[in-house]
């Protein structure tokens, strides 16, 4: 699935910030050496440097035509359709998972009753 150009650039920027290597360019086959080439990089030669290592490979094909885009008003994430922002949704979900449940299932009326009970307890004290 093609990725919006702005999102691919953001993904590359984030990867670079954490120390990842970023390759970008047109993917071609065969290269002059007969293998795969990305921009000016011979991928067979490049990947040989990482032989026997665990890698995470993210491939983000950039869409050729620039469709209409929508920007989240909260975080600025660029989306290809209007609607709920997946980045903001993920943050809300993560925050909700971090909240601690007190185990109390009390409704508003119970809480108001507690307030009145506290008020009545204080009115029995001298000087109130």
C-alpha atoms as a PDB file:
ATOM      1  CA  UNK A   1       0.000   0.000   0.000  1.00  0.00           C
ATOM      2  CA  UNK A   2       1.506   3.346  -0.995  1.00  0.00           C
ATOM      3  CA  UNK A   3       2.405   5.754   1.795  1.00  0.00           C
ATOM      4  CA  UNK A   4       1.917   9.498   1.578  1.00  0.00           C
ATOM      5  CA  UNK A   5       5.199  11.284   0.841  1.00  0.00           C
ATOM      6  CA  UNK A   6       4.978  13.417   4.027  1.00  0.00           C
ATOM      7  CA  UNK A   7       4.403  10.316   6.180  1.00  0.00           C
ATOM      8  CA  UNK A   8       7.350   8.500   4.563  1.00  0.00           C
ATOM      9  CA  UNK A   9       9.581  11.519   5.236  1.00  0.00           C
ATOM     10  CA  UNK A  10       8.410  11.639   8.863  1.00  0.00           C
ATOM     11  CA  UNK A  11       9.055   7.900   9.277  1.00  0.00           C
ATOM     12  CA  UNK A  12      12.566   8.335   7.864  1.00  0.00           C
ATOM     13  CA  UNK A  13      13.244  11.291  10.182  1.00  0.00           C
ATOM     14  CA  UNK A  14      12.165   9.300  13.241  1.00  0.00           C
ATOM     15  CA  UNK A  15      14.284   6.323  12.169  1.00  0.00           C
ATOM     16  CA  UNK A  16      17.289   8.597  11.713  1.00  0.00           C
ATOM     17  CA  UNK A  17      16.807  10.115  15.173  1.00  0.00           C
ATOM     18  CA  UNK A  18      17.138   6.689  16.798  1.00  0.00           C
ATOM     19  CA  UNK A  19      20.250   5.795  14.788  1.00  0.00           C
ATOM     20  CA  UNK A  20      18.778   3.699  11.983  1.00  0.00           C
ATOM     21  CA  UNK A  21      20.202   3.773   8.464  1.00  0.00           C
ATOM     22  CA  UNK A  22      17.790   5.196   5.904  1.00  0.00           C
ATOM     23  CA  UNK A  23      17.932   4.365   2.216  1.00  0.00           C
ATOM     24  CA  UNK A  24      15.708   6.120  -0.292  1.00  0.00           C
ATOM     25  CA  UNK A  25      15.466   6.108  -4.044  1.00  0.00           C
ATOM     26  CA  UNK A  26      13.921   4.319  -6.981  1.00  0.00           C
ATOM     27  CA  UNK A  27      14.078   0.526  -6.732  1.00  0.00           C
ATOM     28  CA  UNK A  28      15.369  -1.060  -9.926  1.00  0.00           C
ATOM     29  CA  UNK A  29      16.023  -4.551 -11.183  1.00  0.00           C
ATOM     30  CA  UNK A  30      18.297  -5.564 -12.699  1.00  0.00           C
ATOM     31  CA  UNK A  31      21.115  -3.206 -11.804  1.00  0.00           C
ATOM     32  CA  UNK A  32      24.258  -3.029 -13.938  1.00  0.00           C
ATOM     33  CA  UNK A  33      25.642  -5.819 -11.728  1.00  0.00           C
ATOM     34  CA  UNK A  34      22.489  -7.895 -12.247  1.00  0.00           C
ATOM     35  CA  UNK A  35      20.940  -7.470  -8.795  1.00  0.00           C
ATOM     36  CA  UNK A  36      18.595  -5.066  -7.058  1.00  0.00           C
ATOM     37  CA  UNK A  37      19.506  -1.402  -6.853  1.00  0.00           C
ATOM     38  CA  UNK A  38      17.955   1.370  -4.730  1.00  0.00           C
ATOM     39  CA  UNK A  39      19.016   4.744  -6.073  1.00  0.00           C
ATOM     40  CA  UNK A  40      22.802   4.429  -6.455  1.00  0.00           C
ATOM     41  CA  UNK A  41      23.095   1.616  -3.867  1.00  0.00           C
ATOM     42  CA  UNK A  42      23.588  -2.006  -4.881  1.00  0.00           C
ATOM     43  CA  UNK A  43      21.313  -3.735  -2.371  1.00  0.00           C
ATOM     44  CA  UNK A  44      23.070  -7.103  -2.529  1.00  0.00           C
ATOM     45  CA  UNK A  45      26.363  -5.464  -1.593  1.00  0.00           C
ATOM     46  CA  UNK A  46      24.719  -3.265   1.022  1.00  0.00           C
ATOM     47  CA  UNK A  47      22.794  -6.103   2.688  1.00  0.00           C
ATOM     48  CA  UNK A  48      25.908  -8.303   2.719  1.00  0.00           C
ATOM     49  CA  UNK A  49      27.331  -5.903   5.351  1.00  0.00           C
ATOM     50  CA  UNK A  50      24.459  -6.902   7.634  1.00  0.00           C
ATOM     51  CA  UNK A  51      24.621 -10.653   6.992  1.00  0.00           C
ATOM     52  CA  UNK A  52      23.679 -12.829  10.006  1.00  0.00           C
ATOM     53  CA  UNK A  53      22.334  -9.869  11.980  1.00  0.00           C
ATOM     54  CA  UNK A  54      18.776  -9.344  13.119  1.00  0.00           C
ATOM     55  CA  UNK A  55      17.210  -6.434  11.199  1.00  0.00           C
ATOM     56  CA  UNK A  56      13.916  -4.625  10.998  1.00  0.00           C
ATOM     57  CA  UNK A  57      13.193  -3.720   7.408  1.00  0.00           C
ATOM     58  CA  UNK A  58      10.528  -1.110   6.762  1.00  0.00           C
ATOM     59  CA  UNK A  59       9.524  -0.589   3.151  1.00  0.00           C
ATOM     60  CA  UNK A  60       7.362   2.425   2.465  1.00  0.00           C
ATOM     61  CA  UNK A  61       6.424   2.739  -1.204  1.00  0.00           C
ATOM     62  CA  UNK A  62       5.692   6.418  -1.778  1.00  0.00           C
ATOM     63  CA  UNK A  63       2.519   7.122  -3.715  1.00  0.00           C
ATOM     64  CA  UNK A  64       3.124   8.502  -7.190  1.00  0.00           C
ATOM     65  CA  UNK A  65       0.258  10.933  -7.328  1.00  0.00           C
ATOM     66  CA  UNK A  66      -0.385  13.248  -4.442  1.00  0.00           C
ATOM     67  CA  UNK A  67      -3.946  12.610  -3.275  1.00  0.00           C
ATOM     68  CA  UNK A  68      -5.916  15.024  -1.153  1.00  0.00           C
ATOM     69  CA  UNK A  69      -4.567  14.923   2.386  1.00  0.00           C
ATOM     70  CA  UNK A  70      -5.966  15.821   5.772  1.00  0.00           C
ATOM     71  CA  UNK A  71      -3.875  16.963   8.721  1.00  0.00           C
ATOM     72  CA  UNK A  72      -4.809  16.132  12.315  1.00  0.00           C
ATOM     73  CA  UNK A  73      -5.599  19.385  14.098  1.00  0.00           C
ATOM     74  CA  UNK A  74      -4.077  18.040  17.335  1.00  0.00           C
ATOM     75  CA  UNK A  75      -0.747  16.416  16.395  1.00  0.00           C
ATOM     76  CA  UNK A  76      -0.307  17.350  12.720  1.00  0.00           C
ATOM     77  CA  UNK A  77      -0.225  13.769  11.408  1.00  0.00           C
ATOM     78  CA  UNK A  78      -1.013  13.637   7.676  1.00  0.00           C
ATOM     79  CA  UNK A  79      -3.828  11.255   6.677  1.00  0.00           C
ATOM     80  CA  UNK A  80      -5.260  10.232   3.327  1.00  0.00           C
ATOM     81  CA  UNK A  81      -8.850  10.552   4.557  1.00  0.00           C
ATOM     82  CA  UNK A  82     -10.740  12.631   7.072  1.00  0.00           C
ATOM     83  CA  UNK A  83     -11.532  10.974  10.363  1.00  0.00           C
ATOM     84  CA  UNK A  84      -9.980   9.927  13.634  1.00  0.00           C
ATOM     85  CA  UNK A  85      -6.203  10.310  13.779  1.00  0.00           C
ATOM     86  CA  UNK A  86      -4.508   6.915  14.347  1.00  0.00           C
ATOM     87  CA  UNK A  87      -1.600   8.537  16.208  1.00  0.00           C
ATOM     88  CA  UNK A  88      -3.880  10.387  18.649  1.00  0.00           C
ATOM     89  CA  UNK A  89      -6.027   7.247  19.049  1.00  0.00           C
ATOM     90  CA  UNK A  90      -2.916   5.218  19.929  1.00  0.00           C
ATOM     91  CA  UNK A  91      -1.842   7.803  22.517  1.00  0.00           C
ATOM     92  CA  UNK A  92      -5.304   7.791  24.107  1.00  0.00           C
ATOM     93  CA  UNK A  93      -5.297   3.985  24.206  1.00  0.00           C
ATOM     94  CA  UNK A  94      -1.821   3.902  25.783  1.00  0.00           C
ATOM     95  CA  UNK A  95      -2.848   6.486  28.371  1.00  0.00           C
ATOM     96  CA  UNK A  96      -6.011   4.527  29.183  1.00  0.00           C
ATOM     97  CA  UNK A  97      -3.971   1.351  29.694  1.00  0.00           C
ATOM     98  CA  UNK A  98      -1.770   3.245  32.133  1.00  0.00           C
ATOM     99  CA  UNK A  99      -4.647   4.406  34.295  1.00  0.00           C
ATOM    100  CA  UNK A 100      -5.141   2.512  37.522  1.00  0.00           C
ATOM    101  CA  UNK A 101      -8.589   1.132  38.297  1.00  0.00           C
ATOM    102  CA  UNK A 102      -9.545   1.778  41.919  1.00  0.00           C
ATOM    103  CA  UNK A 103     -11.969  -1.121  41.887  1.00  0.00           C
ATOM    104  CA  UNK A 104     -14.803   1.082  43.124  1.00  0.00           C
ATOM    105  CA  UNK A 105     -17.981   1.035  41.086  1.00  0.00           C
ATOM    106  CA  UNK A 106     -19.647   4.035  42.637  1.00  0.00           C
ATOM    107  CA  UNK A 107     -22.029   6.301  40.865  1.00  0.00           C
ATOM    108  CA  UNK A 108     -22.459  10.054  41.283  1.00  0.00           C
ATOM    109  CA  UNK A 109     -25.226   9.654  43.876  1.00  0.00           C
ATOM    110  CA  UNK A 110     -22.910   7.649  46.144  1.00  0.00           C
ATOM    111  CA  UNK A 111     -20.266  10.360  45.861  1.00  0.00           C
ATOM    112  CA  UNK A 112     -22.809  13.114  46.695  1.00  0.00           C
ATOM    113  CA  UNK A 113     -24.023  11.090  49.691  1.00  0.00           C
ATOM    114  CA  UNK A 114     -20.428  10.928  50.939  1.00  0.00           C
ATOM    115  CA  UNK A 115     -20.147  14.704  50.665  1.00  0.00           C
ATOM    116  CA  UNK A 116     -23.297  15.183  52.763  1.00  0.00           C
ATOM    117  CA  UNK A 117     -22.075  12.620  55.303  1.00  0.00           C
ATOM    118  CA  UNK A 118     -18.790  14.512  55.652  1.00  0.00           C
ATOM    119  CA  UNK A 119     -20.693  17.783  56.031  1.00  0.00           C
ATOM    120  CA  UNK A 120     -22.947  16.304  58.743  1.00  0.00           C
ATOM    121  CA  UNK A 121     -19.931  14.916  60.616  1.00  0.00           C
ATOM    122  CA  UNK A 122     -18.299  18.355  60.622  1.00  0.00           C
ATOM    123  CA  UNK A 123     -21.499  20.119  61.844  1.00  0.00           C
ATOM    124  CA  UNK A 124     -21.463  18.125  65.094  1.00  0.00           C
ATOM    125  CA  UNK A 125     -18.102  19.602  66.007  1.00  0.00           C
ATOM    126  CA  UNK A 126     -18.115  22.616  68.362  1.00  0.00           C
ATOM    127  CA  UNK A 127     -17.843  25.925  66.553  1.00  0.00           C
ATOM    128  CA  UNK A 128     -19.347  24.741  63.271  1.00  0.00           C
END
